[in-house]
Protein backbone atom coordinates (compact mmCIF):
# COMPACT_ATOMS: atom_id res chain seq x y z
CA MET A 1 93.31 110.38 135.96
CA LEU A 2 92.14 111.18 132.43
CA ILE A 3 94.08 111.20 129.18
CA ASP A 4 93.14 113.44 126.27
CA SER A 5 93.85 110.97 123.49
CA HIS A 6 93.67 113.55 120.69
CA CYS A 7 94.45 117.27 120.67
CA HIS A 8 96.40 119.72 118.51
CA LEU A 9 98.70 121.72 120.76
CA ASP A 10 100.65 123.07 117.78
CA PHE A 11 97.67 125.08 116.50
CA PRO A 12 97.83 128.89 116.70
CA ASP A 13 95.08 128.92 119.34
CA PHE A 14 97.62 127.63 121.89
CA ALA A 15 100.87 129.17 120.63
CA ALA A 16 101.08 131.83 123.33
CA ASP A 17 100.14 129.64 126.29
CA ILE A 18 100.90 125.93 125.89
CA ALA A 19 102.19 125.82 129.46
CA GLY A 20 98.91 127.30 130.67
CA VAL A 21 96.90 124.81 128.62
CA VAL A 22 98.84 121.91 130.14
CA ALA A 23 98.49 123.34 133.66
CA ARG A 24 94.73 123.79 133.30
CA ALA A 25 94.43 120.24 132.02
CA GLU A 26 96.30 118.88 135.05
CA ALA A 27 94.11 120.94 137.39
CA ALA A 28 91.05 119.34 135.75
CA GLY A 29 92.42 115.84 136.26
CA VAL A 30 93.70 115.41 132.71
CA ALA A 31 97.22 114.30 133.51
CA ARG A 32 98.38 113.34 130.02
CA MET A 33 97.59 114.33 126.46
CA LEU A 34 98.50 113.21 122.96
CA THR A 35 99.16 115.98 120.45
CA ILE A 36 98.33 114.80 116.96
CA SER A 37 100.22 115.42 113.75
CA THR A 38 98.53 116.90 110.70
CA ARG A 39 101.66 117.13 108.51
CA VAL A 40 104.74 114.92 108.46
CA ALA A 41 106.76 118.03 107.60
CA LYS A 42 105.96 119.42 111.06
CA ALA A 43 107.37 116.45 112.98
CA ASP A 44 110.01 118.67 114.63
CA THR A 45 107.26 120.93 116.00
CA TYR A 46 105.41 118.06 117.67
CA ARG A 47 108.64 116.65 119.07
CA ALA A 48 109.59 120.02 120.55
CA ILE A 49 106.22 120.35 122.31
CA ALA A 50 106.54 116.87 123.82
CA GLU A 51 110.14 117.46 124.89
CA ALA A 52 109.15 120.70 126.61
CA HIS A 53 106.14 119.19 128.41
CA PRO A 54 106.49 115.72 129.98
CA GLN A 55 102.69 115.43 130.13
CA VAL A 56 102.54 115.33 126.32
CA TRP A 57 103.13 112.56 123.78
CA TYR A 58 102.91 113.02 120.00
CA THR A 59 102.27 111.27 116.69
CA VAL A 60 103.55 111.66 113.13
CA GLY A 61 101.34 111.68 110.07
CA THR A 62 99.37 113.51 107.40
CA HIS A 63 95.76 114.59 107.96
CA PRO A 64 93.53 113.96 104.92
CA HIS A 65 93.14 117.74 104.56
CA GLY A 66 96.88 117.81 103.86
CA ALA A 67 97.00 114.79 101.58
CA ALA A 68 97.47 116.96 98.49
CA GLU A 69 100.47 118.65 100.16
CA GLU A 70 102.07 115.35 101.20
CA PRO A 71 100.74 112.80 98.69
CA ASP A 72 103.75 110.53 98.47
CA VAL A 73 105.55 110.41 101.82
CA PRO A 74 106.96 106.87 102.02
CA ALA A 75 105.85 104.65 104.88
CA GLY A 76 109.52 104.21 105.76
CA THR A 77 109.95 107.96 106.25
CA ILE A 78 106.96 108.09 108.58
CA ALA A 79 108.21 105.06 110.50
CA ALA A 80 111.70 106.54 110.92
CA LEU A 81 110.24 109.69 112.49
CA THR A 82 108.55 107.66 115.24
CA ARG A 83 111.82 106.54 116.86
CA HIS A 84 111.70 109.32 119.42
CA PRO A 85 110.58 107.89 122.79
CA ARG A 86 107.65 110.28 123.09
CA CYS A 87 106.28 109.56 119.62
CA ILE A 88 103.70 106.86 120.28
CA GLY A 89 101.45 106.71 117.21
CA ILE A 90 100.95 107.20 113.48
CA GLY A 91 98.57 109.76 112.00
CA GLU A 92 96.16 111.23 111.97
CA ALA A 93 95.41 109.88 108.52
CA GLY A 94 92.20 108.92 106.81
CA LEU A 95 89.42 109.93 104.48
CA ASP A 96 87.42 113.17 104.58
CA TYR A 97 84.88 113.79 101.83
CA HIS A 98 83.06 116.61 103.58
CA TYR A 99 84.67 119.45 101.63
CA ASP A 100 84.55 119.87 97.86
CA ASP A 101 88.10 121.26 97.73
CA ALA A 102 89.70 118.29 99.51
CA ALA A 103 92.34 116.13 97.87
CA PRO A 104 90.99 113.61 95.35
CA GLU A 105 89.68 110.43 96.95
CA ALA A 106 92.40 108.34 95.31
CA VAL A 107 95.12 110.55 96.83
CA GLN A 108 93.57 110.40 100.29
CA GLU A 109 93.33 106.62 100.03
CA ARG A 110 96.96 106.31 98.91
CA VAL A 111 98.13 108.42 101.84
CA LEU A 112 95.99 106.42 104.26
CA ARG A 113 97.38 103.11 103.03
CA ALA A 114 100.95 104.42 103.41
CA HIS A 115 100.19 105.26 107.03
CA ILE A 116 98.74 101.81 107.59
CA GLU A 117 101.98 100.36 106.24
CA ALA A 118 103.93 102.54 108.66
CA ALA A 119 101.71 101.43 111.54
CA ARG A 120 102.41 97.80 110.71
CA ALA A 121 106.15 98.40 110.38
CA THR A 122 106.43 100.14 113.75
CA GLY A 123 103.74 98.30 115.69
CA LEU A 124 102.33 101.71 116.66
CA PRO A 125 98.59 102.42 116.46
CA LEU A 126 97.09 104.44 113.63
CA VAL A 127 94.93 107.46 114.52
CA ILE A 128 92.15 107.31 111.92
CA HIS A 129 90.14 110.31 110.68
CA SER A 130 86.90 109.51 108.86
CA ARG A 131 84.26 112.01 107.80
CA ASP A 132 81.47 111.40 105.28
CA ALA A 133 83.40 108.37 104.05
CA ASP A 134 81.97 105.47 106.04
CA GLU A 135 81.66 102.86 103.28
CA HIS A 136 85.01 103.63 101.68
CA MET A 137 86.76 103.70 105.06
CA GLU A 138 85.28 100.36 106.06
CA ALA A 139 86.37 98.84 102.74
CA VAL A 140 89.96 100.13 103.03
CA LEU A 141 90.34 99.05 106.65
CA ALA A 142 88.91 95.58 105.97
CA ASP A 143 91.15 95.14 102.94
CA GLU A 144 94.26 96.17 104.84
CA MET A 145 93.40 93.99 107.83
CA ARG A 146 93.07 91.01 105.51
CA ARG A 147 96.59 91.70 104.24
CA SER A 148 98.09 91.99 107.70
CA PRO A 149 96.69 93.26 111.04
CA PHE A 150 97.48 96.62 112.61
CA THR A 151 96.11 98.56 115.56
CA GLY A 152 94.36 101.90 115.65
CA VAL A 153 91.54 104.13 116.80
CA LEU A 154 88.62 105.74 115.00
CA HIS A 155 89.10 109.18 116.49
CA CYS A 156 86.43 111.83 117.22
CA PHE A 157 83.81 109.32 116.25
CA SER A 158 80.74 110.89 114.63
CA SER A 159 80.07 108.41 111.84
CA GLY A 160 77.33 105.82 111.52
CA ARG A 161 76.76 102.77 113.67
CA ARG A 162 77.99 100.42 110.95
CA LEU A 163 81.48 101.95 110.87
CA ALA A 164 81.74 101.71 114.66
CA GLU A 165 80.70 98.05 114.52
CA ALA A 166 83.10 97.33 111.67
CA GLY A 167 85.94 99.07 113.50
CA VAL A 168 85.35 97.02 116.63
CA GLU A 169 85.13 93.81 114.56
CA LEU A 170 88.52 94.69 113.05
CA GLY A 171 90.05 95.19 116.48
CA LEU A 172 90.07 99.00 116.51
CA TYR A 173 89.23 101.37 119.36
CA VAL A 174 86.62 104.16 119.18
CA SER A 175 87.26 107.60 120.66
CA PHE A 176 84.53 110.03 121.65
CA SER A 177 84.91 113.81 121.69
CA GLY A 178 82.79 116.70 122.92
CA ILE A 179 80.22 115.86 120.24
CA VAL A 180 78.89 113.18 122.58
CA THR A 181 77.82 115.96 125.00
CA PHE A 182 75.74 117.84 122.44
CA ARG A 183 72.02 117.85 123.08
CA ARG A 184 71.10 116.37 119.71
CA SER A 185 73.74 113.62 119.71
CA HIS A 186 71.28 110.90 120.72
CA ASP A 187 72.42 108.49 118.01
CA LEU A 188 76.07 108.96 118.94
CA ARG A 189 75.34 108.21 122.59
CA ASP A 190 73.51 105.05 121.50
CA ILE A 191 76.61 104.03 119.54
CA ALA A 192 78.80 104.69 122.59
CA ARG A 193 76.61 102.36 124.65
CA ALA A 194 77.10 99.62 122.06
CA VAL A 195 80.90 99.88 121.84
CA PRO A 196 82.66 97.39 124.14
CA ARG A 197 83.89 99.28 127.16
CA THR A 198 87.40 97.91 126.65
CA ARG A 199 87.58 99.79 123.31
CA ILE A 200 86.49 103.30 124.36
CA LEU A 201 88.73 106.38 124.55
CA VAL A 202 88.01 110.06 125.25
CA GLU A 203 89.46 113.11 123.54
CA THR A 204 88.93 116.78 122.85
CA ASP A 205 90.18 117.24 119.27
CA ALA A 206 91.13 120.65 120.68
CA PRO A 207 90.92 123.42 119.62
CA PHE A 208 87.75 122.15 117.90
CA LEU A 209 84.40 120.86 119.18
CA ALA A 210 84.31 122.19 122.72
CA PRO A 211 81.90 120.11 124.80
CA GLU A 212 78.97 121.38 126.80
CA PRO A 213 79.05 123.65 128.75
CA HIS A 214 81.90 125.29 126.79
CA ARG A 215 80.40 125.34 123.30
CA GLY A 216 81.45 128.40 121.33
CA ARG A 217 84.81 128.62 123.11
CA THR A 218 88.22 127.34 122.06
CA ASN A 219 88.38 123.73 123.14
CA GLU A 220 91.36 122.60 125.23
CA PRO A 221 92.53 119.39 126.93
CA ALA A 222 91.06 120.39 130.32
CA TYR A 223 87.62 119.94 128.79
CA THR A 224 88.24 116.21 128.44
CA ALA A 225 86.77 116.11 131.94
CA ASP A 226 83.42 117.42 130.64
CA THR A 227 83.30 114.84 127.87
CA ALA A 228 84.19 112.14 130.40
CA ARG A 229 81.33 113.19 132.68
CA SER A 230 78.85 113.02 129.81
CA LEU A 231 80.18 109.68 128.59
CA ALA A 232 80.10 108.28 132.13
CA ALA A 233 76.45 109.26 132.43
CA THR A 234 75.73 107.69 129.05
CA LEU A 235 77.33 104.42 130.13
CA GLU A 236 75.86 104.64 133.64
CA LEU A 237 79.30 104.57 135.24
CA PRO A 238 80.81 106.67 138.03
CA VAL A 239 83.13 109.27 136.51
CA ALA A 240 86.11 107.79 138.35
CA ASP A 241 85.40 104.39 136.79
CA LEU A 242 85.11 105.92 133.32
CA ALA A 243 88.44 107.70 133.85
CA ALA A 244 90.15 104.51 134.98
CA LEU A 245 88.62 102.54 132.13
CA THR A 246 89.62 104.96 129.36
CA THR A 247 93.11 105.42 130.79
CA ALA A 248 93.65 101.67 130.86
CA ASN A 249 92.33 101.42 127.31
CA PHE A 250 94.68 104.17 126.16
CA HIS A 251 97.71 102.38 127.54
CA ARG A 252 96.54 99.05 126.11
CA LEU A 253 96.41 100.64 122.65
CA PHE A 254 99.35 103.05 122.87
CA THR A 255 101.77 100.53 124.34
CA LYS A 256 104.79 102.74 123.78
CA ALA A 257 103.27 105.25 126.20
CA GLU A 258 102.77 102.45 128.71
CA ALA A 259 106.42 101.44 128.43
CA GLY A 260 107.58 104.98 129.17
CA ARG A 261 105.09 105.74 131.92
CA ALA A 262 106.48 106.88 135.25
C-alpha cells in the first residue's frame, strides 16, 4: 500500500471527478491520500472532501503564496480547526522566494512561525514548503526548534543538500515528488540516497509535477506509484519494500492518522 502524502484535491483540475481520482489511486495501489490546505479560509472545503471520501485526510494552513491574503491568522485559530478527526496536520506553510510578486519575506516568515506555534500546540506535524529560500528556511527552523521542538516534513523536496541534512538533523522528514523521476534530477536522487530511510515519504503534489512517464499531464494521486518505482530504484529497494517503508514513515509522523486507521 502507498500513501500520497501531499496532494490538492480541492483544485479545479479535480472538481468534476474527485471520486474518479480516488478510485484510480486505489486501483494503482495508493490506498490513502492527504489533501493539503493552501488557505485557512477554505478549511470547510478540505473537511468536506475528507468526509465524503474515507481514503482522504486533510490539513489546515496557509501556503506562502497566500500569506498576503492571510497574514495574521492566529495560531490558536489554526489549532482549533484541526479538531476534526480527519484533520491530521498543519500547513502547508513556508517560504517561497521564487516569484517577484510573492508576499514580502517578513510576512511569509510571520505566517510560517504562526503555523509552527500551531503545530506545537496540537502536536500535529507541519507540512513545510520551501522554494529558493534554503538559508532562511534553515535559520527559521533551527531557531524555532531551539525554542521548543515540533514535527514536520519538508514536502516536495527540490532544495539543496544542506537543507535536507539540516531538516534531518532537526528531526524532520523529507518527501519526494515526481521531480525525482525527471531525467536531469541526478542531484535530487543523490540527496534521496543520503536521507535516512526512516525519514522518507512520497507524494504527488497533484495536480502539479506529474512524474515520468506522465509529464505534461495533470498529476493525480495514482501517479504516486510511478514516483515510488523511481525512488525504489534509486534506493535499490523492491517497490513493495519502498511502499511499506514510506507508509510506516507516514504513520510515524502523522500519528493522528495512525490512531484513526482501520
